[in-house]
N, C-alpha and C. Protein backbone atom coordinates (compact mmCIF):
# COMPACT_ATOMS: atom_id res chain seq x y z
N MET A 1 0.84 -1.18 0.00
CA MET A 1 0.00 0.00 0.00
C MET A 1 0.88 1.24 0.00
N ASP A 2 0.55 2.18 -0.83
CA ASP A 2 1.29 3.42 -0.95
C ASP A 2 0.98 4.30 0.27
N ARG A 3 1.95 5.05 0.73
CA ARG A 3 1.76 5.91 1.90
C ARG A 3 0.79 7.05 1.63
N LEU A 4 0.62 7.43 0.40
CA LEU A 4 -0.28 8.53 0.07
C LEU A 4 -1.75 8.10 0.04
N GLU A 5 -1.99 6.83 -0.07
CA GLU A 5 -3.37 6.35 -0.10
C GLU A 5 -3.96 6.40 1.31
N PRO A 6 -5.19 6.86 1.43
CA PRO A 6 -5.80 6.87 2.77
C PRO A 6 -6.08 5.46 3.24
N LYS A 7 -5.94 5.28 4.52
CA LYS A 7 -6.24 3.97 5.10
C LYS A 7 -7.74 3.92 5.37
N VAL A 8 -8.38 2.91 4.87
CA VAL A 8 -9.80 2.74 5.04
C VAL A 8 -10.04 1.49 5.87
N LYS A 9 -10.75 1.68 6.96
CA LYS A 9 -11.08 0.53 7.80
C LYS A 9 -12.27 -0.19 7.21
N LYS A 10 -12.21 -1.48 7.22
CA LYS A 10 -13.34 -2.27 6.75
C LYS A 10 -14.36 -2.34 7.87
N VAL A 11 -15.59 -2.15 7.49
CA VAL A 11 -16.66 -2.22 8.47
C VAL A 11 -17.09 -3.66 8.61
N LYS A 12 -16.96 -4.16 9.82
CA LYS A 12 -17.32 -5.55 10.07
C LYS A 12 -18.70 -5.67 10.69
N ASP A 13 -19.08 -4.65 11.44
CA ASP A 13 -20.34 -4.71 12.16
C ASP A 13 -21.31 -3.68 11.57
N VAL A 14 -22.24 -4.13 10.77
CA VAL A 14 -23.21 -3.25 10.14
C VAL A 14 -24.13 -2.61 11.17
N LYS A 15 -24.45 -3.33 12.22
CA LYS A 15 -25.30 -2.79 13.28
C LYS A 15 -24.68 -1.56 13.92
N GLN A 16 -23.38 -1.57 14.10
CA GLN A 16 -22.69 -0.44 14.69
C GLN A 16 -22.79 0.79 13.79
N VAL A 17 -22.64 0.59 12.50
CA VAL A 17 -22.74 1.70 11.55
C VAL A 17 -24.15 2.28 11.58
N LYS A 18 -25.16 1.41 11.59
CA LYS A 18 -26.54 1.88 11.64
C LYS A 18 -26.80 2.65 12.92
N LYS A 19 -26.24 2.17 14.02
CA LYS A 19 -26.44 2.82 15.30
C LYS A 19 -25.86 4.23 15.28
N VAL A 20 -24.67 4.40 14.74
CA VAL A 20 -24.05 5.72 14.64
C VAL A 20 -24.86 6.61 13.71
N ALA A 21 -25.30 6.08 12.58
CA ALA A 21 -26.10 6.86 11.64
C ALA A 21 -27.41 7.29 12.28
N ASP A 22 -28.04 6.39 13.04
CA ASP A 22 -29.27 6.74 13.72
C ASP A 22 -29.05 7.84 14.74
N LEU A 23 -27.95 7.76 15.48
CA LEU A 23 -27.66 8.78 16.47
C LEU A 23 -27.41 10.13 15.81
N GLU A 24 -26.70 10.12 14.69
CA GLU A 24 -26.44 11.37 14.00
C GLU A 24 -27.73 11.99 13.48
N SER A 25 -28.58 11.19 12.86
CA SER A 25 -29.83 11.74 12.34
C SER A 25 -30.75 12.13 13.48
N TYR A 26 -30.68 11.41 14.59
CA TYR A 26 -31.50 11.71 15.76
C TYR A 26 -31.12 13.07 16.32
N SER A 27 -29.85 13.35 16.45
CA SER A 27 -29.42 14.62 17.00
C SER A 27 -29.67 15.77 16.04
N MET A 28 -29.63 15.51 14.76
CA MET A 28 -29.89 16.55 13.78
C MET A 28 -31.37 16.92 13.73
N GLN A 29 -32.22 16.02 14.14
CA GLN A 29 -33.65 16.22 14.06
C GLN A 29 -34.26 16.37 15.46
N ALA A 30 -33.50 16.82 16.41
CA ALA A 30 -33.97 16.86 17.80
C ALA A 30 -35.20 17.74 17.98
N TYR A 31 -35.33 18.80 17.20
CA TYR A 31 -36.50 19.68 17.33
C TYR A 31 -37.79 18.94 17.02
N GLU A 32 -37.70 17.86 16.26
CA GLU A 32 -38.90 17.10 15.92
C GLU A 32 -39.49 16.38 17.12
N ARG A 33 -38.72 16.22 18.18
CA ARG A 33 -39.23 15.58 19.39
C ARG A 33 -40.02 16.55 20.26
N LEU A 34 -39.91 17.83 19.99
CA LEU A 34 -40.60 18.83 20.80
C LEU A 34 -42.10 18.79 20.56
N LYS A 35 -42.86 18.78 21.65
CA LYS A 35 -44.32 18.64 21.57
C LYS A 35 -44.95 19.75 20.72
N PHE A 36 -44.53 20.99 20.91
CA PHE A 36 -45.16 22.06 20.15
C PHE A 36 -44.81 21.98 18.66
N TYR A 37 -43.65 21.44 18.33
CA TYR A 37 -43.33 21.24 16.91
C TYR A 37 -44.25 20.17 16.32
N GLN A 38 -44.46 19.09 17.05
CA GLN A 38 -45.37 18.04 16.60
C GLN A 38 -46.78 18.58 16.43
N ASP A 39 -47.21 19.45 17.37
CA ASP A 39 -48.54 20.06 17.27
C ASP A 39 -48.65 20.93 16.01
N ILE A 40 -47.60 21.68 15.73
CA ILE A 40 -47.61 22.53 14.54
C ILE A 40 -47.68 21.67 13.28
N CYS A 41 -46.98 20.56 13.27
CA CYS A 41 -47.05 19.65 12.11
C CYS A 41 -48.47 19.13 11.93
N ASN A 42 -49.13 18.80 13.03
CA ASN A 42 -50.52 18.33 12.96
C ASN A 42 -51.44 19.44 12.48
N ILE A 43 -51.21 20.65 12.94
CA ILE A 43 -52.02 21.80 12.49
C ILE A 43 -51.83 22.00 10.99
N ARG A 44 -50.60 21.90 10.53
CA ARG A 44 -50.35 22.09 9.10
C ARG A 44 -51.07 21.03 8.26
N ARG A 45 -51.03 19.78 8.69
CA ARG A 45 -51.75 18.73 7.96
C ARG A 45 -53.26 18.98 7.98
N PHE A 46 -53.76 19.43 9.12
CA PHE A 46 -55.18 19.75 9.24
C PHE A 46 -55.57 20.88 8.28
N VAL A 47 -54.75 21.92 8.23
CA VAL A 47 -55.02 23.05 7.33
C VAL A 47 -55.03 22.58 5.88
N GLN A 48 -54.09 21.73 5.52
CA GLN A 48 -54.06 21.21 4.14
C GLN A 48 -55.34 20.46 3.81
N ARG A 49 -55.82 19.64 4.74
CA ARG A 49 -57.05 18.88 4.50
C ARG A 49 -58.28 19.79 4.39
N VAL A 50 -58.39 20.71 5.33
CA VAL A 50 -59.57 21.58 5.37
C VAL A 50 -59.62 22.51 4.17
N THR A 51 -58.48 23.04 3.78
CA THR A 51 -58.48 24.02 2.70
C THR A 51 -58.65 23.40 1.31
N LYS A 52 -58.54 22.10 1.20
CA LYS A 52 -58.78 21.46 -0.11
C LYS A 52 -60.19 21.74 -0.60
N ARG A 53 -61.11 21.83 0.33
CA ARG A 53 -62.52 22.08 -0.04
C ARG A 53 -62.75 23.53 -0.49
N LEU A 54 -61.85 24.41 -0.11
CA LEU A 54 -62.03 25.84 -0.40
C LEU A 54 -61.14 26.36 -1.51
N GLU A 55 -60.32 25.50 -2.10
CA GLU A 55 -59.30 25.96 -3.05
C GLU A 55 -59.85 26.85 -4.16
N LYS A 56 -60.96 26.49 -4.74
CA LYS A 56 -61.47 27.23 -5.89
C LYS A 56 -62.23 28.49 -5.49
N SER A 57 -62.96 28.44 -4.41
CA SER A 57 -63.81 29.57 -4.05
C SER A 57 -63.09 30.66 -3.24
N HIS A 58 -62.05 30.31 -2.51
CA HIS A 58 -61.35 31.27 -1.65
C HIS A 58 -59.83 31.13 -1.84
N LEU A 59 -59.38 31.34 -3.02
CA LEU A 59 -57.98 31.08 -3.38
C LEU A 59 -56.98 31.83 -2.49
N ARG A 60 -57.20 33.14 -2.29
CA ARG A 60 -56.27 33.94 -1.49
C ARG A 60 -56.26 33.52 -0.03
N LEU A 61 -57.44 33.25 0.50
CA LEU A 61 -57.54 32.83 1.90
C LEU A 61 -56.84 31.49 2.10
N VAL A 62 -57.07 30.56 1.20
CA VAL A 62 -56.44 29.24 1.28
C VAL A 62 -54.92 29.39 1.22
N SER A 63 -54.45 30.19 0.30
CA SER A 63 -53.01 30.39 0.15
C SER A 63 -52.40 30.97 1.42
N HIS A 64 -53.08 31.96 2.01
CA HIS A 64 -52.55 32.59 3.23
C HIS A 64 -52.57 31.62 4.41
N MET A 65 -53.62 30.83 4.52
CA MET A 65 -53.69 29.86 5.61
C MET A 65 -52.59 28.83 5.50
N ARG A 66 -52.37 28.33 4.31
CA ARG A 66 -51.32 27.34 4.10
C ARG A 66 -49.94 27.93 4.35
N ASP A 67 -49.74 29.17 3.88
CA ASP A 67 -48.46 29.83 4.11
C ASP A 67 -48.19 30.06 5.59
N SER A 68 -49.22 30.45 6.33
CA SER A 68 -49.07 30.70 7.77
C SER A 68 -48.71 29.41 8.50
N ALA A 69 -49.38 28.32 8.16
CA ALA A 69 -49.10 27.03 8.81
C ALA A 69 -47.68 26.57 8.47
N ARG A 70 -47.29 26.74 7.22
CA ARG A 70 -45.94 26.35 6.81
C ARG A 70 -44.89 27.22 7.50
N SER A 71 -45.15 28.51 7.58
CA SER A 71 -44.22 29.43 8.20
C SER A 71 -44.00 29.10 9.69
N ALA A 72 -45.08 28.73 10.37
CA ALA A 72 -44.96 28.38 11.79
C ALA A 72 -44.00 27.20 11.96
N LYS A 73 -44.14 26.22 11.10
CA LYS A 73 -43.27 25.04 11.16
C LYS A 73 -41.82 25.39 10.79
N GLN A 74 -41.66 26.12 9.72
CA GLN A 74 -40.31 26.44 9.24
C GLN A 74 -39.55 27.33 10.21
N ASN A 75 -40.23 28.23 10.88
CA ASN A 75 -39.55 29.11 11.84
C ASN A 75 -38.98 28.33 13.01
N ILE A 76 -39.70 27.32 13.47
CA ILE A 76 -39.18 26.48 14.55
C ILE A 76 -37.91 25.77 14.09
N ARG A 77 -37.97 25.19 12.91
CA ARG A 77 -36.80 24.48 12.38
C ARG A 77 -35.61 25.41 12.23
N GLU A 78 -35.86 26.56 11.64
CA GLU A 78 -34.77 27.50 11.39
C GLU A 78 -34.14 28.00 12.69
N GLY A 79 -34.97 28.37 13.64
CA GLY A 79 -34.46 28.88 14.91
C GLY A 79 -33.67 27.83 15.68
N TYR A 80 -34.13 26.60 15.64
CA TYR A 80 -33.43 25.53 16.33
C TYR A 80 -32.06 25.30 15.72
N ARG A 81 -31.99 25.34 14.42
CA ARG A 81 -30.73 25.07 13.73
C ARG A 81 -29.71 26.20 13.86
N ARG A 82 -30.15 27.36 14.27
CA ARG A 82 -29.20 28.46 14.45
C ARG A 82 -28.30 28.24 15.65
N GLY A 83 -28.76 27.41 16.58
CA GLY A 83 -27.86 26.97 17.63
C GLY A 83 -27.90 27.70 18.96
N SER A 84 -28.44 28.89 19.02
CA SER A 84 -28.45 29.58 20.32
C SER A 84 -29.88 29.58 20.88
N ALA A 85 -29.95 29.57 22.20
CA ALA A 85 -31.25 29.57 22.87
C ALA A 85 -32.02 30.85 22.57
N ALA A 86 -31.31 31.97 22.48
CA ALA A 86 -31.97 33.25 22.19
C ALA A 86 -32.60 33.24 20.79
N GLU A 87 -31.87 32.73 19.81
CA GLU A 87 -32.40 32.64 18.45
C GLU A 87 -33.60 31.70 18.39
N PHE A 88 -33.51 30.61 19.12
CA PHE A 88 -34.61 29.66 19.14
C PHE A 88 -35.85 30.28 19.78
N ALA A 89 -35.66 30.97 20.89
CA ALA A 89 -36.79 31.64 21.56
C ALA A 89 -37.42 32.68 20.64
N HIS A 90 -36.59 33.41 19.93
CA HIS A 90 -37.10 34.41 18.98
C HIS A 90 -37.90 33.74 17.86
N SER A 91 -37.42 32.63 17.37
CA SER A 91 -38.13 31.93 16.29
C SER A 91 -39.46 31.38 16.78
N ILE A 92 -39.54 31.01 18.05
CA ILE A 92 -40.81 30.54 18.60
C ILE A 92 -41.82 31.67 18.62
N LYS A 93 -41.38 32.87 18.97
CA LYS A 93 -42.29 34.04 18.96
C LYS A 93 -42.77 34.33 17.55
N ILE A 94 -41.89 34.23 16.58
CA ILE A 94 -42.29 34.45 15.19
C ILE A 94 -43.29 33.39 14.77
N SER A 95 -43.04 32.15 15.17
CA SER A 95 -43.94 31.05 14.86
C SER A 95 -45.32 31.28 15.48
N GLN A 96 -45.34 31.80 16.70
CA GLN A 96 -46.61 32.11 17.35
C GLN A 96 -47.37 33.18 16.55
N GLY A 97 -46.65 34.13 16.01
CA GLY A 97 -47.29 35.16 15.17
C GLY A 97 -47.93 34.54 13.94
N SER A 98 -47.25 33.59 13.33
CA SER A 98 -47.81 32.90 12.16
C SER A 98 -49.07 32.13 12.55
N LEU A 99 -49.06 31.51 13.72
CA LEU A 99 -50.23 30.78 14.18
C LEU A 99 -51.39 31.73 14.50
N GLU A 100 -51.07 32.93 14.98
CA GLU A 100 -52.12 33.93 15.21
C GLU A 100 -52.75 34.37 13.89
N GLU A 101 -51.94 34.53 12.86
CA GLU A 101 -52.47 34.86 11.53
C GLU A 101 -53.40 33.76 11.06
N LEU A 102 -52.99 32.53 11.25
CA LEU A 102 -53.80 31.38 10.85
C LEU A 102 -55.11 31.37 11.63
N SER A 103 -55.04 31.65 12.90
CA SER A 103 -56.24 31.69 13.73
C SER A 103 -57.20 32.77 13.23
N GLY A 104 -56.66 33.91 12.88
CA GLY A 104 -57.50 34.99 12.33
C GLY A 104 -58.14 34.58 11.01
N ASP A 105 -57.38 33.90 10.18
CA ASP A 105 -57.93 33.43 8.90
C ASP A 105 -59.06 32.42 9.11
N MET A 106 -58.92 31.58 10.12
CA MET A 106 -59.94 30.58 10.37
C MET A 106 -61.22 31.22 10.90
N GLU A 107 -61.10 32.35 11.56
CA GLU A 107 -62.29 33.05 12.05
C GLU A 107 -63.03 33.74 10.91
N ASP A 108 -62.33 34.08 9.84
CA ASP A 108 -62.95 34.77 8.70
C ASP A 108 -63.96 33.92 7.97
């Protein structure tokens, strides 16, 4: 073997590799374990189902409701990934604002 070639270890235990991969994906997706994030995901699915019936008659309202639900979810993800508690707290407030918009749309 040439000294310039990288040394590659052969993987003998596939279970170990899967375990490491699971841990890495688990830590990268930690915000998904948060109850309020799960609730927002459920709200978004609910909005998608409910607004299907209104797509043709209330196009702008449907679009805004879907955007608000999506924004609430995306803000949580974005804030969590920024890494600081202050940024995450700020993103939660922004997400709450999106949910308030959605609530107002549902009252209309």
